[in-house]
Structures are given as C-alpha cells and as structure tokens.
Amino acid sequence: MEVLWYRTISYRSAIIPPCDRVTSSRKGGLKLSETAMLIYVYIRSHSGDEVRLREVQHAMGFASPSSALFHLQKLESAGLILKDPIGNYRVKTRVRVGLVRNYVLIRNIFVPRHVFYAIVMTIASILYLTLLRDFFSSPFTIIALLLNTVSAGLFWFESWRDWKDKPRFSGD
C-alpha cells in the first residue's frame, strides 16, 4: 500500500507548489480551477473505486466529455490523479482541499465536522440537566448551563449551514 500525504489547497483555486511529485512548468506552481478541484473531490469521494471519463462528465453536468477530459488532464499533470491504461482515473496524492475543509468523508458521504461537536455539546447539556438539577439554585450553574446550550445551538447551526453548502454532484 502506498503512503498518501496531505497538502492544503485554498478554497477558490488551488496553487500547488512544485515538488518531487508535482511537475510544473511555472516557477510559482500549477494553478487549478475550482471545477478541477471539485472533480478531484468527486474522484476522492469514490475511494477505492476507479472513475471513468463519462462518469465525471455526468457528475459535473458537462455537455461533452472534452470538458471533463481537460480538467482530468490538469489534475493528472499536477500529480493528483492517475490514469490507468484502460482509461480509469484514481487518486494518486491526497491533498486537503479548501472546498471540503469543513467535512469528514464517512462511507463516501461528506459529513460536516461541526456535527460531532454539536452532538458532544448536546449530550453534555442533557447530562448537565439530569445530573446536576439539585444545584440549579446557584446562578453560576444556570450561566454554565446556558453557555453550554448556546454553544450546542451554534454548532447545530454551523452544521446545518455546512450541510446546505456541501459539494453536490449530478449523480447524487
């Protein structure tokens, strides 16, 4: 099994610095569009599976396969994906893409990171309410409970916002 490594890529476009695995003709690195990075995320979400050109075309909603091929060739020249002799594409190098920085990939589903914090804070609030109800006469206890409940609410709100903004593909 090959060792995969991570690099961070910005949200709007990806500027990948030149290194031993990424070849670039420019000194500053290879610039990838948001569409190319969305295709990379799509291929990465099919971990273990290889993706064909027509699948990428359909998932991105392109009118012709040449549009998908253009972006796949850019990703391949950046060293992020590999093309096998049959024409299937798979992830070669794992990078952190700003487009999905707020998500965890679980069974090919993008789950907002804030959901986990929201669950912990909600459980803490419930436990606090049930186990420490005898101490509600203290203003300190009431303030602590309110802060905990407000933080749980904020995490649920952020989770909902991230869920609305998660990357969606035509095939999903």
Protein backbone atom coordinates (compact mmCIF):
# COMPACT_ATOMS: atom_id res chain seq x y z
CA MET A 1 0.00 0.00 0.00
CA GLU A 2 1.39 3.39 -0.93
CA VAL A 3 1.68 6.12 1.65
CA LEU A 4 -0.60 9.08 0.94
CA TRP A 5 0.28 12.57 2.14
CA TYR A 6 -1.61 15.82 2.59
CA ARG A 7 -1.19 19.41 1.47
CA THR A 8 -3.60 22.29 1.91
CA ILE A 9 -5.28 23.92 -1.08
CA SER A 10 -7.17 27.22 -0.95
CA TYR A 11 -10.94 27.50 -1.50
CA ARG A 12 -11.33 29.32 -4.82
CA SER A 13 -8.38 27.94 -6.72
CA ALA A 14 -5.60 25.58 -5.93
CA ILE A 15 -2.00 26.66 -6.17
CA ILE A 16 0.13 23.57 -5.79
CA PRO A 17 3.80 24.30 -5.10
CA PRO A 18 6.30 22.44 -7.25
CA CYS A 19 7.84 19.42 -5.53
CA ASP A 20 9.12 15.97 -6.42
CA ARG A 21 5.60 14.58 -7.02
CA VAL A 22 4.05 17.58 -8.78
CA THR A 23 5.55 18.83 -12.01
CA SER A 24 5.00 22.37 -13.15
CA SER A 25 6.39 24.50 -15.93
CA ARG A 26 5.95 27.71 -13.94
CA LYS A 27 8.09 28.66 -11.00
CA GLY A 28 5.16 29.52 -8.71
CA GLY A 29 3.32 26.21 -9.06
CA LEU A 30 0.42 24.86 -11.05
CA LYS A 31 -2.90 26.69 -10.73
CA LEU A 32 -6.06 24.58 -10.74
CA SER A 33 -9.60 25.87 -11.10
CA GLU A 34 -12.42 25.31 -8.64
CA THR A 35 -14.04 22.95 -11.17
CA ALA A 36 -10.90 20.84 -11.35
CA MET A 37 -10.77 20.67 -7.57
CA LEU A 38 -14.45 19.69 -7.46
CA ILE A 39 -13.65 16.84 -9.87
CA TYR A 40 -10.77 15.83 -7.59
CA VAL A 41 -13.20 15.78 -4.64
CA TYR A 42 -15.62 13.66 -6.68
CA ILE A 43 -12.90 11.13 -7.53
CA ARG A 44 -11.70 11.12 -3.92
CA SER A 45 -15.24 10.51 -2.66
CA HIS A 46 -15.20 7.28 -4.67
CA SER A 47 -12.21 5.99 -2.68
CA GLY A 48 -11.14 2.56 -3.79
CA ASP A 49 -13.21 2.84 -6.93
CA GLU A 50 -11.85 4.00 -10.22
CA VAL A 51 -13.83 6.62 -12.10
CA ARG A 52 -14.30 6.80 -15.86
CA LEU A 53 -14.39 9.93 -18.03
CA ARG A 54 -18.14 9.66 -18.74
CA GLU A 55 -18.91 9.32 -15.02
CA VAL A 56 -17.07 12.58 -14.34
CA GLN A 57 -18.88 14.25 -17.25
CA HIS A 58 -22.26 13.13 -15.91
CA ALA A 59 -21.49 14.01 -12.28
CA MET A 60 -20.30 17.52 -13.14
CA GLY A 61 -23.07 18.15 -15.64
CA PHE A 62 -20.74 18.84 -18.57
CA ALA A 63 -22.24 18.84 -22.06
CA SER A 64 -19.30 16.99 -23.61
CA PRO A 65 -16.59 14.64 -22.36
CA SER A 66 -13.88 17.00 -23.65
CA SER A 67 -14.63 19.43 -20.81
CA ALA A 68 -14.17 16.67 -18.26
CA LEU A 69 -11.05 15.46 -20.06
CA PHE A 70 -9.50 18.94 -19.91
CA HIS A 71 -9.86 19.11 -16.11
CA LEU A 72 -8.76 15.49 -15.65
CA GLN A 73 -5.61 16.17 -17.67
CA LYS A 74 -4.85 19.21 -15.50
CA LEU A 75 -5.25 17.08 -12.36
CA GLU A 76 -3.09 14.36 -13.88
CA SER A 77 -0.35 16.80 -14.82
CA ALA A 78 -0.44 18.16 -11.26
CA GLY A 79 0.18 14.64 -9.98
CA LEU A 80 -3.07 14.41 -8.05
CA ILE A 81 -4.68 11.59 -10.04
CA LEU A 82 -3.51 8.65 -12.12
CA LYS A 83 -4.95 7.30 -15.36
CA ASP A 84 -4.61 3.59 -15.98
CA PRO A 85 -4.25 2.11 -19.49
CA ILE A 86 -7.97 1.31 -19.64
CA GLY A 87 -8.90 4.96 -19.06
CA ASN A 88 -9.96 4.83 -15.42
CA TYR A 89 -8.88 7.59 -13.03
CA ARG A 90 -7.99 7.25 -9.35
CA VAL A 91 -6.44 9.44 -6.67
CA LYS A 92 -2.66 9.34 -6.59
CA THR A 93 -1.96 12.03 -3.98
CA ARG A 94 -4.33 13.07 -1.21
CA VAL A 95 -4.50 16.80 -0.58
CA ARG A 96 -6.70 18.86 1.69
CA VAL A 97 -8.99 20.87 -0.49
CA GLY A 98 -10.39 24.11 0.92
CA LEU A 99 -13.66 23.27 -0.81
CA VAL A 100 -14.26 20.42 1.65
CA ARG A 101 -12.21 21.52 4.65
CA ASN A 102 -15.30 21.55 6.91
CA TYR A 103 -16.27 17.97 6.11
CA VAL A 104 -15.29 14.45 7.06
CA LEU A 105 -15.70 11.74 4.44
CA ILE A 106 -17.56 8.80 6.00
CA ARG A 107 -18.60 5.98 3.66
CA ASN A 108 -18.42 8.34 0.68
CA ILE A 109 -20.71 10.90 2.37
CA PHE A 110 -19.49 14.37 3.29
CA VAL A 111 -20.47 14.93 6.94
CA PRO A 112 -19.92 18.43 8.40
CA ARG A 113 -17.26 18.47 11.13
CA HIS A 114 -19.45 20.63 13.33
CA VAL A 115 -21.96 17.77 13.71
CA PHE A 116 -19.58 15.93 16.02
CA TYR A 117 -19.07 19.00 18.23
CA ALA A 118 -22.82 19.63 18.27
CA ILE A 119 -23.53 16.06 19.39
CA VAL A 120 -20.97 16.28 22.22
CA MET A 121 -22.30 19.63 23.43
CA THR A 122 -25.92 18.42 23.26
CA ILE A 123 -25.08 15.31 25.27
CA ALA A 124 -23.20 17.45 27.79
CA SER A 125 -26.22 19.74 28.15
CA ILE A 126 -28.57 16.81 28.70
CA LEU A 127 -26.25 15.23 31.25
CA TYR A 128 -25.83 18.57 32.96
CA LEU A 129 -29.59 18.99 33.20
CA THR A 130 -30.26 15.50 34.53
CA LEU A 131 -27.32 15.00 36.90
CA LEU A 132 -26.98 18.46 38.39
CA ARG A 133 -30.61 19.55 38.76
CA ASP A 134 -30.18 19.85 42.53
CA PHE A 135 -27.70 22.70 42.07
CA PHE A 136 -29.92 24.99 39.91
CA SER A 137 -30.31 27.45 42.77
CA SER A 138 -26.81 28.74 42.06
CA PRO A 139 -26.52 31.48 39.39
CA PHE A 140 -23.16 30.00 38.35
CA THR A 141 -24.87 26.70 37.47
CA ILE A 142 -27.56 28.44 35.41
CA ILE A 143 -24.98 30.52 33.50
CA ALA A 144 -22.87 27.42 32.78
CA LEU A 145 -25.94 25.54 31.51
CA LEU A 146 -26.95 28.48 29.29
CA LEU A 147 -23.45 28.77 27.81
CA ASN A 148 -23.35 25.06 27.11
CA THR A 149 -26.80 25.11 25.48
CA VAL A 150 -25.98 28.17 23.37
CA SER A 151 -22.73 26.60 22.16
CA ALA A 152 -24.61 23.41 21.22
CA GLY A 153 -27.12 25.52 19.29
CA LEU A 154 -24.36 27.36 17.45
CA PHE A 155 -22.68 24.09 16.47
CA TRP A 156 -26.01 22.75 15.16
CA PHE A 157 -26.49 25.97 13.18
CA GLU A 158 -22.99 25.70 11.65
CA SER A 159 -23.65 22.04 10.82
CA TRP A 160 -26.86 22.97 9.04
CA ARG A 161 -25.08 25.72 7.05
CA ASP A 162 -22.26 23.36 6.07
CA TRP A 163 -24.77 20.69 5.06
CA LYS A 164 -26.51 23.16 2.73
CA ASP A 165 -23.17 24.18 1.15
CA LYS A 166 -21.62 20.72 0.77
CA PRO A 167 -20.36 19.70 -2.69
CA ARG A 168 -23.13 18.10 -4.73
CA PHE A 169 -22.74 16.14 -7.92
CA SER A 170 -25.35 15.42 -10.59
CA GLY A 171 -25.31 11.69 -9.88
CA ASP A 172 -26.01 12.15 -6.12
